[in-house]
Structures are given as structure tokens and as C-alpha cells.
Amino acid sequence: MLKRLVDLIGSMTGLILTFWLWPLIALAIKLDSPGPVFFRQWRMGYNRRPFTILKFRSMVMAAERGGAKWAELRDCRITRIGRFLRMTRLDELPQLLNVLGGSMSLVGPRPERPEFIVEIEKKVPFYDQRYLVAPGLTGWAQVRYQYGAGIEDAKRKLEYDLYYIRNI
């Protein structure tokens, strides 16, 4: 209950402090490339419940026309403003609404896409332990490890996620 209270207070505070930026970010996205301002995607949450994550759009429209792909550090699908948003993590601000709604927490393992989970779970033992807690806006793996995209990075990040889950 205490963690949820901290999530509510933290997300409301974050929304109040950053909401003035949202129209500026939205305008920059619209001027930079065609398409919606927000990006919605299915992710897997607490107890394997799927939820829709909300972000500011940082990639071109139809970036995954050929199917789901891991994002890369220098991904050509990322727009100019999207590169800045990702570098500053401003693209994550709408996830404060996910935290407020209860599908995410401020801190926890980052939620993964269902398309990648099947592949990861075949190759990474104990990956399913991540669903014992709510996914987070940030997590111990994000603080302690570099940007990762792929199975090997998922293995390394899982070590940090399990550490967090055990010591929460």
C-alpha cells in the first residue's frame, strides 16, 4: 500500500510539474513528422496482465511495417525530435498516466512487448519472475545498465530486475 501511495503522489507531482511541457513536445512532434503525438503499445504487466503503455511518439509512422523489431541505439526509424526526446527521456512522460492509473509503478522492471517475451523466455531462465511486481517507469536495470536491445542485454538486465524484486 505504501508503494502505491508513493506512486500516486509521485505521478501526480510529476504530471503537475511537467504538464506545461506537453504542448511544446506535442508541437515539436507534429512539426517534425506526420502522425499522432502519442504512441500506444501493448506491454506485459503485473501478473502477466497486458496493458497499453503511453509515450510521446519518437519514431516515424509505420516503423514496424515488416513486423516487430528491437529498437537500436542509432535506429534509423527514430525522428529528429524523437532522438532528443529519447536522449532526455521526455518521451516517457506520458507513462506517468500509466502510473496514476495503476498499470505501472514509478520503479520496477521495464515492461516488455508480448512479441518479444516468447523469444526471451525461451532463452532467459527466470524471466517470468519480473511479473511478480508492477512494471516501472524506471528500474534498477535502467539505472545500472546501458541501453539494451536483444537477448544478451535482456539477460543482463534481468539480473538487476531480480535484485530489485528480491530487495524491494
N, C-alpha and C. Protein backbone atom coordinates (compact mmCIF):
# COMPACT_ATOMS: atom_id res chain seq x y z
N MET A 1 0.81 -1.20 0.00
CA MET A 1 0.00 0.00 0.00
C MET A 1 0.86 1.27 0.00
N LEU A 2 1.96 1.21 0.76
CA LEU A 2 2.85 2.37 0.82
C LEU A 2 3.47 2.66 -0.55
N LYS A 3 3.87 1.61 -1.25
CA LYS A 3 4.46 1.79 -2.58
C LYS A 3 3.43 2.42 -3.53
N ARG A 4 2.19 1.98 -3.46
CA ARG A 4 1.15 2.54 -4.32
C ARG A 4 0.90 4.01 -3.98
N LEU A 5 0.92 4.35 -2.68
CA LEU A 5 0.74 5.74 -2.26
C LEU A 5 1.87 6.61 -2.81
N VAL A 6 3.10 6.11 -2.74
CA VAL A 6 4.25 6.85 -3.29
C VAL A 6 4.08 7.01 -4.80
N ASP A 7 3.60 5.94 -5.47
CA ASP A 7 3.36 6.03 -6.92
C ASP A 7 2.32 7.10 -7.25
N LEU A 8 1.24 7.15 -6.48
CA LEU A 8 0.19 8.14 -6.72
C LEU A 8 0.70 9.56 -6.51
N ILE A 9 1.37 9.78 -5.39
CA ILE A 9 1.89 11.11 -5.08
C ILE A 9 2.97 11.50 -6.10
N GLY A 10 3.87 10.56 -6.41
CA GLY A 10 4.94 10.84 -7.37
C GLY A 10 4.43 11.13 -8.77
N SER A 11 3.45 10.34 -9.22
CA SER A 11 2.94 10.55 -10.58
C SER A 11 2.14 11.85 -10.67
N MET A 12 1.36 12.16 -9.65
CA MET A 12 0.61 13.42 -9.67
C MET A 12 1.57 14.61 -9.63
N THR A 13 2.59 14.51 -8.81
CA THR A 13 3.59 15.59 -8.73
C THR A 13 4.31 15.74 -10.08
N GLY A 14 4.71 14.61 -10.65
CA GLY A 14 5.38 14.65 -11.95
C GLY A 14 4.50 15.24 -13.04
N LEU A 15 3.22 14.88 -13.04
CA LEU A 15 2.29 15.44 -14.02
C LEU A 15 2.13 16.94 -13.84
N ILE A 16 1.97 17.38 -12.61
CA ILE A 16 1.80 18.82 -12.33
C ILE A 16 3.05 19.60 -12.76
N LEU A 17 4.23 19.06 -12.45
CA LEU A 17 5.47 19.77 -12.74
C LEU A 17 5.83 19.78 -14.23
N THR A 18 5.38 18.77 -14.98
CA THR A 18 5.79 18.67 -16.38
C THR A 18 4.68 18.95 -17.38
N PHE A 19 3.47 19.09 -16.94
CA PHE A 19 2.36 19.21 -17.87
C PHE A 19 2.50 20.42 -18.79
N TRP A 20 3.15 21.48 -18.35
CA TRP A 20 3.35 22.66 -19.19
C TRP A 20 4.23 22.33 -20.41
N LEU A 21 5.08 21.28 -20.29
CA LEU A 21 5.94 20.87 -21.39
C LEU A 21 5.19 20.10 -22.48
N TRP A 22 4.11 19.46 -22.11
CA TRP A 22 3.41 18.56 -23.03
C TRP A 22 2.98 19.24 -24.33
N PRO A 23 2.39 20.45 -24.28
CA PRO A 23 2.02 21.10 -25.54
C PRO A 23 3.23 21.45 -26.40
N LEU A 24 4.34 21.79 -25.77
CA LEU A 24 5.56 22.11 -26.53
C LEU A 24 6.12 20.85 -27.20
N ILE A 25 6.12 19.75 -26.49
CA ILE A 25 6.59 18.48 -27.05
C ILE A 25 5.66 18.06 -28.19
N ALA A 26 4.35 18.19 -27.96
CA ALA A 26 3.37 17.82 -28.99
C ALA A 26 3.58 18.64 -30.26
N LEU A 27 3.79 19.93 -30.12
CA LEU A 27 4.03 20.79 -31.27
C LEU A 27 5.30 20.38 -32.00
N ALA A 28 6.36 20.11 -31.27
CA ALA A 28 7.62 19.70 -31.88
C ALA A 28 7.45 18.39 -32.66
N ILE A 29 6.71 17.45 -32.10
CA ILE A 29 6.46 16.17 -32.78
C ILE A 29 5.69 16.40 -34.08
N LYS A 30 4.64 17.21 -34.00
CA LYS A 30 3.81 17.48 -35.18
C LYS A 30 4.59 18.21 -36.28
N LEU A 31 5.47 19.13 -35.90
CA LEU A 31 6.27 19.87 -36.88
C LEU A 31 7.36 18.99 -37.50
N ASP A 32 7.81 18.00 -36.75
CA ASP A 32 8.92 17.17 -37.20
C ASP A 32 8.51 16.07 -38.16
N SER A 33 7.33 15.47 -37.95
CA SER A 33 6.91 14.36 -38.80
C SER A 33 5.40 14.16 -38.72
N PRO A 34 4.81 13.63 -39.77
CA PRO A 34 3.37 13.39 -39.75
C PRO A 34 3.01 12.23 -38.82
N GLY A 35 1.80 12.30 -38.28
CA GLY A 35 1.32 11.22 -37.42
C GLY A 35 0.87 11.73 -36.08
N PRO A 36 0.40 10.83 -35.25
CA PRO A 36 -0.10 11.23 -33.94
C PRO A 36 1.02 11.67 -32.99
N VAL A 37 0.66 12.38 -31.96
CA VAL A 37 1.62 12.84 -30.95
C VAL A 37 1.97 11.69 -30.01
N PHE A 38 0.96 10.91 -29.65
CA PHE A 38 1.17 9.82 -28.70
C PHE A 38 1.34 8.48 -29.41
N PHE A 39 2.05 7.61 -28.75
CA PHE A 39 2.31 6.26 -29.22
C PHE A 39 1.76 5.31 -28.18
N ARG A 40 0.95 4.37 -28.61
CA ARG A 40 0.38 3.37 -27.71
C ARG A 40 0.84 1.99 -28.16
N GLN A 41 1.16 1.15 -27.16
CA GLN A 41 1.65 -0.18 -27.49
C GLN A 41 1.32 -1.13 -26.35
N TRP A 42 1.00 -2.39 -26.70
CA TRP A 42 0.73 -3.39 -25.69
C TRP A 42 2.02 -3.80 -25.01
N ARG A 43 1.98 -3.88 -23.69
CA ARG A 43 3.09 -4.37 -22.89
C ARG A 43 2.54 -5.35 -21.86
N MET A 44 3.42 -6.14 -21.29
CA MET A 44 3.02 -7.11 -20.29
C MET A 44 3.32 -6.55 -18.90
N GLY A 45 2.31 -6.60 -18.02
CA GLY A 45 2.44 -6.01 -16.70
C GLY A 45 2.41 -7.02 -15.57
N TYR A 46 2.04 -6.53 -14.42
CA TYR A 46 1.98 -7.33 -13.20
C TYR A 46 1.11 -8.57 -13.41
N ASN A 47 1.60 -9.72 -12.97
CA ASN A 47 0.90 -10.99 -13.14
C ASN A 47 0.55 -11.31 -14.59
N ARG A 48 1.39 -10.83 -15.50
CA ARG A 48 1.23 -11.06 -16.95
C ARG A 48 -0.03 -10.43 -17.53
N ARG A 49 -0.54 -9.40 -16.87
CA ARG A 49 -1.70 -8.70 -17.42
C ARG A 49 -1.24 -7.71 -18.48
N PRO A 50 -1.77 -7.80 -19.69
CA PRO A 50 -1.39 -6.83 -20.72
C PRO A 50 -2.02 -5.47 -20.44
N PHE A 51 -1.30 -4.44 -20.81
CA PHE A 51 -1.81 -3.07 -20.68
C PHE A 51 -1.24 -2.25 -21.83
N THR A 52 -1.84 -1.10 -22.04
CA THR A 52 -1.37 -0.20 -23.09
C THR A 52 -0.46 0.85 -22.49
N ILE A 53 0.77 0.87 -22.96
CA ILE A 53 1.72 1.88 -22.49
C ILE A 53 1.56 3.12 -23.37
N LEU A 54 1.74 4.27 -22.78
CA LEU A 54 1.59 5.54 -23.49
C LEU A 54 2.91 6.29 -23.47
N LYS A 55 3.33 6.76 -24.65
CA LYS A 55 4.56 7.53 -24.78
C LYS A 55 4.34 8.63 -25.80
N PHE A 56 5.24 9.62 -25.79
CA PHE A 56 5.27 10.55 -26.91
C PHE A 56 5.92 9.80 -28.07
N ARG A 57 5.37 9.95 -29.28
CA ARG A 57 5.89 9.24 -30.44
C ARG A 57 7.28 9.76 -30.79
N SER A 58 8.21 8.82 -30.95
CA SER A 58 9.59 9.19 -31.29
C SER A 58 10.07 8.53 -32.58
N MET A 59 9.23 7.70 -33.19
CA MET A 59 9.60 7.05 -34.44
C MET A 59 8.66 7.48 -35.57
N VAL A 60 9.11 7.23 -36.77
CA VAL A 60 8.29 7.52 -37.94
C VAL A 60 7.06 6.61 -37.93
N MET A 61 6.02 7.04 -38.65
CA MET A 61 4.82 6.21 -38.76
C MET A 61 5.17 4.92 -39.50
N ALA A 62 4.49 3.86 -39.15
CA ALA A 62 4.69 2.54 -39.78
C ALA A 62 6.13 2.06 -39.63
N ALA A 63 6.74 2.34 -38.49
CA ALA A 63 8.13 1.94 -38.24
C ALA A 63 8.29 0.43 -38.21
N GLU A 64 7.21 -0.27 -37.93
CA GLU A 64 7.29 -1.73 -37.85
C GLU A 64 6.41 -2.39 -38.90
N ARG A 65 6.37 -1.80 -40.04
CA ARG A 65 5.54 -2.34 -41.13
C ARG A 65 5.87 -3.80 -41.41
N GLY A 66 7.13 -4.19 -41.31
CA GLY A 66 7.55 -5.56 -41.57
C GLY A 66 7.47 -6.47 -40.36
N GLY A 67 6.94 -5.99 -39.26
CA GLY A 67 6.84 -6.79 -38.04
C GLY A 67 7.64 -6.16 -36.90
N ALA A 68 7.47 -6.71 -35.71
CA ALA A 68 8.13 -6.19 -34.51
C ALA A 68 9.65 -6.30 -34.63
N LYS A 69 10.34 -5.22 -34.27
CA LYS A 69 11.79 -5.18 -34.29
C LYS A 69 12.29 -4.56 -32.99
N TRP A 70 13.42 -5.05 -32.50
CA TRP A 70 14.06 -4.43 -31.35
C TRP A 70 14.51 -3.03 -31.76
N ALA A 71 14.35 -2.07 -30.87
CA ALA A 71 14.89 -0.73 -31.13
C ALA A 71 16.40 -0.80 -30.97
N GLU A 72 17.09 -0.01 -31.76
CA GLU A 72 18.55 0.03 -31.72
C GLU A 72 19.00 1.39 -31.23
N LEU A 73 20.24 1.46 -30.76
CA LEU A 73 20.77 2.71 -30.25
C LEU A 73 20.73 3.82 -31.29
N ARG A 74 21.15 3.54 -32.51
CA ARG A 74 21.11 4.53 -33.60
C ARG A 74 20.12 4.06 -34.66
N ASP A 75 18.90 3.94 -34.26
CA ASP A 75 17.84 3.40 -35.10
C ASP A 75 17.40 4.44 -36.13
N CYS A 76 17.40 4.06 -37.41
CA CYS A 76 17.04 5.00 -38.47
C CYS A 76 15.54 5.32 -38.46
N ARG A 77 14.74 4.59 -37.71
CA ARG A 77 13.30 4.86 -37.63
C ARG A 77 12.97 6.00 -36.68
N ILE A 78 13.93 6.43 -35.89
CA ILE A 78 13.72 7.50 -34.91
C ILE A 78 13.76 8.85 -35.60
N THR A 79 12.77 9.70 -35.31
CA THR A 79 12.72 11.04 -35.91
C THR A 79 13.76 11.95 -35.26
N ARG A 80 13.94 13.13 -35.84
CA ARG A 80 14.90 14.09 -35.26
C ARG A 80 14.50 14.48 -33.85
N ILE A 81 13.23 14.89 -33.68
CA ILE A 81 12.77 15.27 -32.34
C ILE A 81 12.72 14.03 -31.44
N GLY A 82 12.42 12.88 -32.04
CA GLY A 82 12.39 11.63 -31.28
C GLY A 82 13.73 11.29 -30.66
N ARG A 83 14.81 11.58 -31.38
CA ARG A 83 16.15 11.34 -30.84
C ARG A 83 16.38 12.18 -29.59
N PHE A 84 15.97 13.45 -29.65
CA PHE A 84 16.10 14.33 -28.49
C PHE A 84 15.21 13.84 -27.34
N LEU A 85 13.98 13.48 -27.66
CA LEU A 85 13.05 13.02 -26.63
C LEU A 85 13.58 11.77 -25.93
N ARG A 86 14.14 10.85 -26.69
CA ARG A 86 14.69 9.63 -26.11
C ARG A 86 15.93 9.92 -25.28
N MET A 87 16.79 10.78 -25.78
CA MET A 87 18.02 11.11 -25.07
C MET A 87 17.71 11.75 -23.71
N THR A 88 16.70 12.60 -23.67
CA THR A 88 16.32 13.29 -22.44
C THR A 88 15.26 12.53 -21.64
N ARG A 89 14.77 11.43 -22.22
CA ARG A 89 13.71 10.60 -21.61
C ARG A 89 12.36 11.31 -21.53
N LEU A 90 12.20 12.41 -22.23
CA LEU A 90 10.92 13.12 -22.23
C LEU A 90 9.83 12.32 -22.92
N ASP A 91 10.20 11.38 -23.78
CA ASP A 91 9.20 10.54 -24.43
C ASP A 91 8.45 9.66 -23.43
N GLU A 92 9.03 9.48 -22.25
CA GLU A 92 8.45 8.63 -21.21
C GLU A 92 7.42 9.36 -20.34
N LEU A 93 7.34 10.68 -20.42
CA LEU A 93 6.44 11.44 -19.53
C LEU A 93 4.99 10.94 -19.51
N PRO A 94 4.39 10.60 -20.64
CA PRO A 94 3.00 10.12 -20.59
C PRO A 94 2.81 8.85 -19.75
N GLN A 95 3.89 8.14 -19.48
CA GLN A 95 3.77 6.95 -18.64
C GLN A 95 3.40 7.30 -17.20
N LEU A 96 3.53 8.57 -16.85
CA LEU A 96 3.04 9.00 -15.53
C LEU A 96 1.53 8.74 -15.42
N LEU A 97 0.84 8.80 -16.56
CA LEU A 97 -0.59 8.46 -16.58
C LEU A 97 -0.80 6.96 -16.35
N ASN A 98 0.12 6.13 -16.88
CA ASN A 98 0.07 4.70 -16.60
C ASN A 98 0.27 4.42 -15.11
N VAL A 99 1.19 5.17 -14.51
CA VAL A 99 1.45 5.01 -13.07
C VAL A 99 0.23 5.46 -12.28
N LEU A 100 -0.32 6.59 -12.63
CA LEU A 100 -1.51 7.11 -11.96
C LEU A 100 -2.67 6.10 -12.05
N GLY A 101 -2.82 5.48 -13.22
CA GLY A 101 -3.89 4.50 -13.43
C GLY A 101 -3.65 3.15 -12.79
N GLY A 102 -2.42 2.88 -12.35
CA GLY A 102 -2.13 1.63 -11.65
C GLY A 102 -1.56 0.52 -12.50
N SER A 103 -1.40 0.71 -13.81
CA SER A 103 -0.83 -0.35 -14.64
C SER A 103 0.70 -0.39 -14.55
N MET A 104 1.28 0.69 -14.02
CA MET A 104 2.72 0.76 -13.82
C MET A 104 3.02 1.37 -12.46
N SER A 105 4.28 1.23 -12.05
CA SER A 105 4.78 1.84 -10.83
C SER A 105 5.87 2.83 -11.24
N LEU A 106 6.29 3.68 -10.33
CA LEU A 106 7.41 4.57 -10.66
C LEU A 106 8.69 3.77 -10.85
N VAL A 107 8.89 2.73 -10.00
CA VAL A 107 10.10 1.91 -10.06
C VAL A 107 9.71 0.45 -10.16
N GLY A 108 10.36 -0.25 -11.08
CA GLY A 108 10.13 -1.67 -11.29
C GLY A 108 10.78 -2.08 -12.59
N PRO A 109 10.73 -3.35 -12.93
CA PRO A 109 11.28 -3.77 -14.22
C PRO A 109 10.54 -3.10 -15.36
N ARG A 110 11.25 -2.67 -16.38
CA ARG A 110 10.59 -2.03 -17.53
C ARG A 110 9.69 -3.06 -18.22
N PRO A 111 8.48 -2.66 -18.61
CA PRO A 111 7.58 -3.61 -19.26
C PRO A 111 8.04 -3.96 -20.66
N GLU A 112 7.90 -5.21 -21.02
CA GLU A 112 8.33 -5.67 -22.34
C GLU A 112 7.14 -5.94 -23.23
N ARG A 113 7.40 -5.95 -24.52
CA ARG A 113 6.37 -6.23 -25.51
C ARG A 113 6.08 -7.73 -25.56
N PRO A 114 4.81 -8.11 -25.65
CA PRO A 114 4.46 -9.54 -25.71
C PRO A 114 5.16 -10.27 -26.86
N GLU A 115 5.38 -9.61 -28.00
CA GLU A 115 6.04 -10.24 -29.13
C GLU A 115 7.46 -10.71 -28.81
N PHE A 116 8.12 -10.00 -27.92
CA PHE A 116 9.49 -10.34 -27.58
C PHE A 116 9.58 -11.30 -26.39
N ILE A 117 8.56 -11.31 -25.56
CA ILE A 117 8.59 -12.12 -24.34
C ILE A 117 8.73 -13.61 -24.66
N VAL A 118 8.01 -14.09 -25.65
CA VAL A 118 8.07 -15.50 -26.03
C VAL A 118 9.51 -15.89 -26.35
N GLU A 119 10.17 -15.08 -27.16
CA GLU A 119 11.56 -15.34 -27.55
C GLU A 119 12.49 -15.26 -26.35
N ILE A 120 12.31 -14.25 -25.52
CA ILE A 120 13.19 -14.06 -24.36
C ILE A 120 13.03 -15.21 -23.37
N GLU A 121 11.80 -15.60 -23.08
CA GLU A 121 11.57 -16.65 -22.08
C GLU A 121 12.14 -17.99 -22.51
N LYS A 122 12.26 -18.25 -23.80
CA LYS A 122 12.87 -19.49 -24.28
C LYS A 122 14.36 -19.53 -23.97
N LYS A 123 14.99 -18.35 -23.94
CA LYS A 123 16.44 -18.27 -23.82
C LYS A 123 16.95 -17.72 -22.50
N VAL A 124 16.06 -17.13 -21.69
CA VAL A 124 16.50 -16.50 -20.44
C VAL A 124 15.73 -17.11 -19.27
N PRO A 125 16.40 -17.97 -18.49
CA PRO A 125 15.73 -18.57 -17.33
C PRO A 125 15.30 -17.52 -16.32
N PHE A 126 14.19 -17.77 -15.68
CA PHE A 126 13.62 -16.92 -14.62
C PHE A 126 13.10 -15.58 -15.10
N TYR A 127 12.98 -15.40 -16.40
CA TYR A 127 12.49 -14.12 -16.91
C TYR A 127 11.07 -13.83 -16.41
N ASP A 128 10.30 -14.89 -16.20
CA ASP A 128 8.91 -14.71 -15.76
C ASP A 128 8.80 -14.15 -14.34
N GLN A 129 9.89 -14.12 -13.59
CA GLN A 129 9.89 -13.57 -12.24
C GLN A 129 9.63 -12.06 -12.24
N ARG A 130 9.86 -11.43 -13.36
CA ARG A 130 9.64 -9.98 -13.48
C ARG A 130 8.17 -9.61 -13.26
N TYR A 131 7.27 -10.56 -13.47
CA TYR A 131 5.83 -10.27 -13.36
C TYR A 131 5.32 -10.36 -11.93
N LEU A 132 6.23 -10.55 -10.99
CA LEU A 132 5.84 -10.59 -9.58
C LEU A 132 5.60 -9.20 -9.02
N VAL A 133 6.06 -8.18 -9.74
CA VAL A 133 5.87 -6.78 -9.32
C VAL A 133 5.37 -5.98 -10.52
N ALA A 134 4.82 -4.83 -10.24
CA ALA A 134 4.36 -3.95 -11.32
C ALA A 134 5.55 -3.43 -12.12
N PRO A 135 5.39 -3.30 -13.43
CA PRO A 135 6.47 -2.73 -14.23
C PRO A 135 6.66 -1.26 -13.87
N GLY A 136 7.86 -0.75 -14.12
CA GLY A 136 8.16 0.60 -13.70
C GLY A 136 8.49 1.58 -14.81
N LEU A 137 8.28 2.84 -14.49
CA LEU A 137 8.69 3.94 -15.36
C LEU A 137 10.22 3.93 -15.48
N THR A 138 10.87 3.58 -14.39
CA THR A 138 12.31 3.35 -14.38
C THR A 138 12.55 2.13 -13.52
N GLY A 139 13.76 1.62 -13.58
CA GLY A 139 14.08 0.43 -12.80
C GLY A 139 15.56 0.37 -12.49
N TRP A 140 15.92 -0.57 -11.64
CA TRP A 140 17.31 -0.73 -11.25
C TRP A 140 18.18 -1.06 -12.48
N ALA A 141 17.63 -1.82 -13.42
CA ALA A 141 18.38 -2.16 -14.63
C ALA A 141 18.65 -0.91 -15.48
N GLN A 142 17.70 0.02 -15.51
CA GLN A 142 17.88 1.24 -16.31
C GLN A 142 18.91 2.16 -15.67
N VAL A 143 18.98 2.14 -14.36
CA VAL A 143 19.93 2.98 -13.65
C VAL A 143 21.35 2.41 -13.72
N ARG A 144 21.44 1.08 -13.68
CA ARG A 144 22.74 0.42 -13.57
C ARG A 144 23.31 -0.13 -14.88
N TYR A 145 22.49 -0.17 -15.94
CA TYR A 145 22.95 -0.80 -17.18
C TYR A 145 22.64 0.11 -18.36
N GLN A 146 23.41 -0.03 -19.40
CA GLN A 146 23.24 0.77 -20.61
C GLN A 146 21.96 0.41 -21.35
N TYR A 147 21.67 1.17 -22.38
CA TYR A 147 20.53 0.88 -23.24
C TYR A 147 20.77 -0.49 -23.87
N GLY A 148 19.76 -1.33 -23.85
CA GLY A 148 19.93 -2.67 -24.40
C GLY A 148 18.82 -3.04 -25.35
N ALA A 149 19.15 -3.83 -26.35
CA ALA A 149 18.17 -4.29 -27.33
C ALA A 149 18.60 -5.65 -27.84
N GLY A 150 18.06 -6.68 -27.22
CA GLY A 150 18.37 -8.03 -27.65
C GLY A 150 18.40 -8.98 -26.48
N ILE A 151 18.58 -10.25 -26.79
CA ILE A 151 18.54 -11.30 -25.78
C ILE A 151 19.66 -11.15 -24.75
N GLU A 152 20.88 -10.92 -25.19
CA GLU A 152 22.01 -10.80 -24.25
C GLU A 152 21.80 -9.65 -23.28
N ASP A 153 21.30 -8.52 -23.78
CA ASP A 153 21.01 -7.40 -22.90
C ASP A 153 19.87 -7.74 -21.95
N ALA A 154 18.88 -8.48 -22.43
CA ALA A 154 17.75 -8.89 -21.58
C ALA A 154 18.24 -9.76 -20.43
N LYS A 155 19.21 -10.63 -20.70
CA LYS A 155 19.78 -11.48 -19.63
C LYS A 155 20.44 -10.62 -18.56
N ARG A 156 21.24 -9.69 -19.00
CA ARG A 156 21.98 -8.83 -18.06
C ARG A 156 21.02 -7.95 -17.26
N LYS A 157 20.03 -7.38 -17.94
CA LYS A 157 19.06 -6.53 -17.25
C LYS A 157 18.21 -7.32 -16.26
N LEU A 158 17.95 -8.59 -16.59
CA LEU A 158 17.18 -9.43 -15.69
C LEU A 158 17.88 -9.58 -14.34
N GLU A 159 19.20 -9.66 -14.36
CA GLU A 159 19.94 -9.76 -13.10
C GLU A 159 19.61 -8.57 -12.19
N TYR A 160 19.59 -7.39 -12.77
CA TYR A 160 19.26 -6.20 -11.99
C TYR A 160 17.79 -6.20 -11.56
N ASP A 161 16.91 -6.63 -12.45
CA ASP A 161 15.49 -6.70 -12.11
C ASP A 161 15.24 -7.67 -10.95
N LEU A 162 15.90 -8.82 -10.99
CA LEU A 162 15.73 -9.80 -9.91
C LEU A 162 16.30 -9.28 -8.60
N TYR A 163 17.39 -8.56 -8.67
CA TYR A 163 17.96 -7.93 -7.47
C TYR A 163 16.94 -6.97 -6.87
N TYR A 164 16.33 -6.15 -7.71
CA TYR A 164 15.32 -5.20 -7.24
C TYR A 164 14.13 -5.93 -6.62
N ILE A 165 13.63 -6.95 -7.30
CA ILE A 165 12.46 -7.68 -6.81
C ILE A 165 12.76 -8.33 -5.45
N ARG A 166 13.94 -8.88 -5.31
CA ARG A 166 14.31 -9.53 -4.05
C ARG A 166 14.48 -8.52 -2.92
N ASN A 167 14.93 -7.33 -3.24
CA ASN A 167 15.26 -6.35 -2.20
C ASN A 167 14.28 -5.18 -2.09
N ILE A 168 13.16 -5.29 -2.76
CA ILE A 168 12.19 -4.20 -2.74
C ILE A 168 11.74 -3.89 -1.32
